[in-house]
C-alpha atoms as a PDB file:
ATOM      1  CA  UNK A   1      28.367 -35.310  33.852  1.00  0.00           C
ATOM      2  CA  UNK A   2      25.419 -33.910  35.313  1.00  0.00           C
ATOM      3  CA  UNK A   3      24.373 -30.302  36.243  1.00  0.00           C
ATOM      4  CA  UNK A   4      21.406 -29.019  38.043  1.00  0.00           C
ATOM      5  CA  UNK A   5      19.821 -25.781  36.315  1.00  0.00           C
ATOM      6  CA  UNK A   6      16.394 -25.012  37.386  1.00  0.00           C
ATOM      7  CA  UNK A   7      15.389 -27.627  38.237  1.00  0.00           C
ATOM      8  CA  UNK A   8      16.184 -29.533  35.381  1.00  0.00           C
ATOM      9  CA  UNK A   9      19.307 -32.085  35.275  1.00  0.00           C
ATOM     10  CA  UNK A  10      21.533 -31.214  31.876  1.00  0.00           C
ATOM     11  CA  UNK A  11      23.925 -34.017  30.595  1.00  0.00           C
ATOM     12  CA  UNK A  12      27.059 -33.617  29.288  1.00  0.00           C
ATOM     13  CA  UNK A  13      25.321 -33.090  26.047  1.00  0.00           C
ATOM     14  CA  UNK A  14      25.571 -29.149  26.873  1.00  0.00           C
ATOM     15  CA  UNK A  15      29.751 -28.748  28.062  1.00  0.00           C
ATOM     16  CA  UNK A  16      30.371 -27.661  25.233  1.00  0.00           C
ATOM     17  CA  UNK A  17      28.201 -24.292  23.935  1.00  0.00           C
ATOM     18  CA  UNK A  18      30.472 -23.445  21.306  1.00  0.00           C
ATOM     19  CA  UNK A  19      28.257 -26.340  19.530  1.00  0.00           C
ATOM     20  CA  UNK A  20      26.241 -26.345  16.582  1.00  0.00           C
ATOM     21  CA  UNK A  21      22.721 -25.611  18.207  1.00  0.00           C
ATOM     22  CA  UNK A  22      19.451 -27.428  16.469  1.00  0.00           C
ATOM     23  CA  UNK A  23      16.027 -27.200  17.629  1.00  0.00           C
ATOM     24  CA  UNK A  24      16.123 -29.956  19.932  1.00  0.00           C
ATOM     25  CA  UNK A  25      19.118 -29.629  22.022  1.00  0.00           C
ATOM     26  CA  UNK A  26      18.511 -26.137  22.589  1.00  0.00           C
ATOM     27  CA  UNK A  27      14.673 -26.810  23.701  1.00  0.00           C
ATOM     28  CA  UNK A  28      16.210 -29.486  25.784  1.00  0.00           C
ATOM     29  CA  UNK A  29      18.915 -26.733  27.447  1.00  0.00           C
ATOM     30  CA  UNK A  30      16.314 -23.736  27.983  1.00  0.00           C
ATOM     31  CA  UNK A  31      13.672 -26.285  29.323  1.00  0.00           C
ATOM     32  CA  UNK A  32      10.720 -25.733  26.783  1.00  0.00           C
ATOM     33  CA  UNK A  33       9.394 -27.146  23.724  1.00  0.00           C
ATOM     34  CA  UNK A  34      10.889 -28.219  20.199  1.00  0.00           C
ATOM     35  CA  UNK A  35       7.691 -26.039  18.867  1.00  0.00           C
ATOM     36  CA  UNK A  36       8.262 -22.687  21.269  1.00  0.00           C
ATOM     37  CA  UNK A  37      11.945 -22.910  19.608  1.00  0.00           C
ATOM     38  CA  UNK A  38      10.787 -23.537  16.646  1.00  0.00           C
ATOM     39  CA  UNK A  39       8.296 -20.404  16.654  1.00  0.00           C
ATOM     40  CA  UNK A  40      11.957 -18.156  17.479  1.00  0.00           C
ATOM     41  CA  UNK A  41      13.476 -19.610  15.030  1.00  0.00           C
ATOM     42  CA  UNK A  42      10.038 -19.126  12.374  1.00  0.00           C
ATOM     43  CA  UNK A  43      10.649 -15.487  13.642  1.00  0.00           C
ATOM     44  CA  UNK A  44      14.093 -15.237  13.110  1.00  0.00           C
ATOM     45  CA  UNK A  45      15.376 -14.806  16.437  1.00  0.00           C
ATOM     46  CA  UNK A  46      17.034 -18.014  16.094  1.00  0.00           C
ATOM     47  CA  UNK A  47      19.430 -18.217  13.027  1.00  0.00           C
ATOM     48  CA  UNK A  48      20.584 -21.786  11.617  1.00  0.00           C
ATOM     49  CA  UNK A  49      24.117 -22.622  11.765  1.00  0.00           C
ATOM     50  CA  UNK A  50      24.987 -20.926  15.048  1.00  0.00           C
ATOM     51  CA  UNK A  51      26.017 -21.977  18.085  1.00  0.00           C
ATOM     52  CA  UNK A  52      24.335 -23.108  21.299  1.00  0.00           C
ATOM     53  CA  UNK A  53      25.408 -20.090  23.266  1.00  0.00           C
ATOM     54  CA  UNK A  54      24.426 -17.869  20.612  1.00  0.00           C
ATOM     55  CA  UNK A  55      21.236 -19.344  20.346  1.00  0.00           C
ATOM     56  CA  UNK A  56      21.493 -19.345  24.339  1.00  0.00           C
ATOM     57  CA  UNK A  57      22.147 -15.462  23.921  1.00  0.00           C
ATOM     58  CA  UNK A  58      19.553 -14.418  21.366  1.00  0.00           C
ATOM     59  CA  UNK A  59      16.879 -16.464  23.166  1.00  0.00           C
ATOM     60  CA  UNK A  60      17.772 -14.542  26.975  1.00  0.00           C
ATOM     61  CA  UNK A  61      17.254 -10.926  24.435  1.00  0.00           C
ATOM     62  CA  UNK A  62      14.366 -11.729  22.994  1.00  0.00           C
ATOM     63  CA  UNK A  63      12.914 -12.906  25.956  1.00  0.00           C
ATOM     64  CA  UNK A  64      13.991  -9.337  27.987  1.00  0.00           C
ATOM     65  CA  UNK A  65      12.701  -7.619  25.095  1.00  0.00           C
ATOM     66  CA  UNK A  66       9.275  -9.003  25.265  1.00  0.00           C
ATOM     67  CA  UNK A  67       9.174  -8.322  28.815  1.00  0.00           C
ATOM     68  CA  UNK A  68      10.126  -4.937  28.630  1.00  0.00           C
ATOM     69  CA  UNK A  69       7.189  -4.265  26.770  1.00  0.00           C
ATOM     70  CA  UNK A  70       9.306  -3.923  23.470  1.00  0.00           C
ATOM     71  CA  UNK A  71       8.861  -7.014  21.400  1.00  0.00           C
ATOM     72  CA  UNK A  72       5.838  -9.644  20.279  1.00  0.00           C
ATOM     73  CA  UNK A  73       3.316  -9.406  17.941  1.00  0.00           C
ATOM     74  CA  UNK A  74       0.826  -7.097  20.001  1.00  0.00           C
ATOM     75  CA  UNK A  75       4.374  -4.629  19.951  1.00  0.00           C
ATOM     76  CA  UNK A  76       4.497  -5.306  16.380  1.00  0.00           C
ATOM     77  CA  UNK A  77       1.023  -4.530  15.757  1.00  0.00           C
ATOM     78  CA  UNK A  78       1.229  -1.805  17.831  1.00  0.00           C
ATOM     79  CA  UNK A  79       4.032  -0.112  16.347  1.00  0.00           C
ATOM     80  CA  UNK A  80       2.345  -0.770  12.945  1.00  0.00           C
ATOM     81  CA  UNK A  81      -0.407   1.483  14.024  1.00  0.00           C
ATOM     82  CA  UNK A  82       1.627   3.993  14.729  1.00  0.00           C
ATOM     83  CA  UNK A  83       3.844   4.117  11.766  1.00  0.00           C
ATOM     84  CA  UNK A  84       0.584   4.352   9.664  1.00  0.00           C
ATOM     85  CA  UNK A  85      -1.079   6.414  11.662  1.00  0.00           C
ATOM     86  CA  UNK A  86       2.326   9.010  11.035  1.00  0.00           C
ATOM     87  CA  UNK A  87       2.459   7.783   7.754  1.00  0.00           C
ATOM     88  CA  UNK A  88      -1.209   9.572   7.578  1.00  0.00           C
ATOM     89  CA  UNK A  89      -0.832  12.141   9.453  1.00  0.00           C
ATOM     90  CA  UNK A  90       2.768  13.537   7.538  1.00  0.00           C
ATOM     91  CA  UNK A  91       0.498  13.125   4.123  1.00  0.00           C
ATOM     92  CA  UNK A  92      -2.687  15.366   5.689  1.00  0.00           C
ATOM     93  CA  UNK A  93       0.151  17.676   6.311  1.00  0.00           C
ATOM     94  CA  UNK A  94       1.686  17.564   3.141  1.00  0.00           C
ATOM     95  CA  UNK A  95      -1.879  18.501   1.079  1.00  0.00           C
ATOM     96  CA  UNK A  96      -3.062  21.300   3.699  1.00  0.00           C
ATOM     97  CA  UNK A  97       0.705  22.405   2.575  1.00  0.00           C
ATOM     98  CA  UNK A  98      -0.226  22.359  -1.143  1.00  0.00           C
ATOM     99  CA  UNK A  99      -3.595  24.004  -0.326  1.00  0.00           C
ATOM    100  CA  UNK A 100      -1.753  26.721   1.885  1.00  0.00           C
ATOM    101  CA  UNK A 101       0.673  27.219  -1.144  1.00  0.00           C
ATOM    102  CA  UNK A 102      -2.094  27.925  -4.039  1.00  0.00           C
ATOM    103  CA  UNK A 103      -1.028  24.058  -5.164  1.00  0.00           C
ATOM    104  CA  UNK A 104      -4.202  22.202  -4.604  1.00  0.00           C
ATOM    105  CA  UNK A 105      -8.112  22.571  -5.178  1.00  0.00           C
ATOM    106  CA  UNK A 106     -10.862  21.058  -3.964  1.00  0.00           C
ATOM    107  CA  UNK A 107     -13.051  19.733  -6.513  1.00  0.00           C
ATOM    108  CA  UNK A 108     -15.857  21.437  -5.542  1.00  0.00           C
ATOM    109  CA  UNK A 109     -14.443  24.464  -6.124  1.00  0.00           C
ATOM    110  CA  UNK A 110     -13.100  23.382 -10.019  1.00  0.00           C
ATOM    111  CA  UNK A 111     -15.906  21.619 -10.623  1.00  0.00           C
ATOM    112  CA  UNK A 112     -18.506  24.601 -12.230  1.00  0.00           C
ATOM    113  CA  UNK A 113     -15.330  26.155 -14.630  1.00  0.00           C
ATOM    114  CA  UNK A 114     -14.922  22.269 -15.952  1.00  0.00           C
ATOM    115  CA  UNK A 115     -19.017  21.859 -16.525  1.00  0.00           C
ATOM    116  CA  UNK A 116     -18.559  25.268 -18.344  1.00  0.00           C
ATOM    117  CA  UNK A 117     -15.719  24.266 -20.079  1.00  0.00           C
ATOM    118  CA  UNK A 118     -17.013  20.891 -21.579  1.00  0.00           C
ATOM    119  CA  UNK A 119     -20.812  22.681 -22.320  1.00  0.00           C
ATOM    120  CA  UNK A 120     -19.423  25.409 -24.170  1.00  0.00           C
ATOM    121  CA  UNK A 121     -17.656  22.029 -26.346  1.00  0.00           C
ATOM    122  CA  UNK A 122     -20.927  20.823 -26.684  1.00  0.00           C
ATOM    123  CA  UNK A 123     -22.309  23.764 -27.924  1.00  0.00           C
ATOM    124  CA  UNK A 124     -19.629  24.261 -30.486  1.00  0.00           C
ATOM    125  CA  UNK A 125     -19.379  21.325 -32.209  1.00  0.00           C
ATOM    126  CA  UNK A 126     -23.317  20.494 -32.148  1.00  0.00           C
ATOM    127  CA  UNK A 127     -23.216  24.115 -34.290  1.00  0.00           C
ATOM    128  CA  UNK A 128     -20.266  22.601 -36.755  1.00  0.00           C
ATOM    129  CA  UNK A 129     -22.667  20.938 -39.148  1.00  0.00           C
ATOM    130  CA  UNK A 130     -24.201  24.157 -40.444  1.00  0.00           C
ATOM    131  CA  UNK A 131     -21.018  26.307 -40.668  1.00  0.00           C
ATOM    132  CA  UNK A 132     -19.852  23.386 -42.647  1.00  0.00           C
ATOM    133  CA  UNK A 133     -22.672  22.292 -44.989  1.00  0.00           C
ATOM    134  CA  UNK A 134     -22.394  26.316 -46.133  1.00  0.00           C
ATOM    135  CA  UNK A 135     -18.459  26.290 -46.116  1.00  0.00           C
ATOM    136  CA  UNK A 136     -18.599  23.049 -48.703  1.00  0.00           C
ATOM    137  CA  UNK A 137     -21.399  24.832 -51.014  1.00  0.00           C
ATOM    138  CA  UNK A 138     -19.416  28.135 -50.840  1.00  0.00           C
ATOM    139  CA  UNK A 139     -15.861  26.356 -51.397  1.00  0.00           C
ATOM    140  CA  UNK A 140     -16.960  23.780 -53.766  1.00  0.00           C
ATOM    141  CA  UNK A 141     -20.454  24.404 -54.677  1.00  0.00           C
ATOM    142  CA  UNK A 142     -21.591  20.750 -52.633  1.00  0.00           C
ATOM    143  CA  UNK A 143     -24.888  20.607 -50.892  1.00  0.00           C
ATOM    144  CA  UNK A 144     -24.040  18.469 -47.680  1.00  0.00           C
ATOM    145  CA  UNK A 145     -26.455  16.383 -45.275  1.00  0.00           C
ATOM    146  CA  UNK A 146     -26.297  17.950 -41.936  1.00  0.00           C
ATOM    147  CA  UNK A 147     -27.240  15.132 -40.605  1.00  0.00           C
ATOM    148  CA  UNK A 148     -24.304  13.068 -41.608  1.00  0.00           C
ATOM    149  CA  UNK A 149     -21.991  15.251 -40.087  1.00  0.00           C
ATOM    150  CA  UNK A 150     -24.213  15.962 -36.711  1.00  0.00           C
ATOM    151  CA  UNK A 151     -24.363  11.760 -36.560  1.00  0.00           C
ATOM    152  CA  UNK A 152     -20.673  11.575 -36.484  1.00  0.00           C
ATOM    153  CA  UNK A 153     -20.283  14.588 -34.095  1.00  0.00           C
ATOM    154  CA  UNK A 154     -23.860  12.939 -31.396  1.00  0.00           C
ATOM    155  CA  UNK A 155     -21.537   9.568 -31.730  1.00  0.00           C
ATOM    156  CA  UNK A 156     -17.839  11.201 -30.215  1.00  0.00           C
ATOM    157  CA  UNK A 157     -19.355  13.389 -27.774  1.00  0.00           C
ATOM    158  CA  UNK A 158     -21.107  10.300 -26.677  1.00  0.00           C
ATOM    159  CA  UNK A 159     -17.937   8.161 -26.977  1.00  0.00           C
ATOM    160  CA  UNK A 160     -16.311  11.499 -24.963  1.00  0.00           C
ATOM    161  CA  UNK A 161     -18.991  11.272 -21.958  1.00  0.00           C
ATOM    162  CA  UNK A 162     -18.050   7.608 -21.948  1.00  0.00           C
ATOM    163  CA  UNK A 163     -21.953   6.423 -22.452  1.00  0.00           C
ATOM    164  CA  UNK A 164     -23.403   8.768 -20.531  1.00  0.00           C
ATOM    165  CA  UNK A 165     -26.727  10.490 -21.573  1.00  0.00           C
ATOM    166  CA  UNK A 166     -26.823  13.883 -23.184  1.00  0.00           C
ATOM    167  CA  UNK A 167     -28.410  16.811 -22.146  1.00  0.00           C
ATOM    168  CA  UNK A 168     -30.072  18.119 -25.472  1.00  0.00           C
END
């Protein structure tokens, strides 16, 4: 039996739309290339093992969605961009709220305090050689070369600074 749909003649191959679909026969049914159907298959619009009727319904729904501007690659890109923008906006609001609650301060605000603490620690460590040498002499009667202790402290400070040059 032959029918004519949209200018295409369809044979008895499509008498039973409940038959298992394949890309080639479905492409003939809807009048497009097998490559065009493969792209719908790759996108997940058409799923293996389903009937021609299922594929016809899914294919038509996909075409309606794209025609209404709710689908396609451009729409997916736009949706991703909007989602990313919304996520960034939410993150910015979280930061602003944390600032207002006093849970967050800028690096520029804390930098002077951190530098002062690091400088004070450095000064304290550099004063150790003479203090330790005097204490060893008082407690044990041993003369200790201060430069030996000083070398170890300088080495430790250099290691802690990540190899940055010291401000002596």
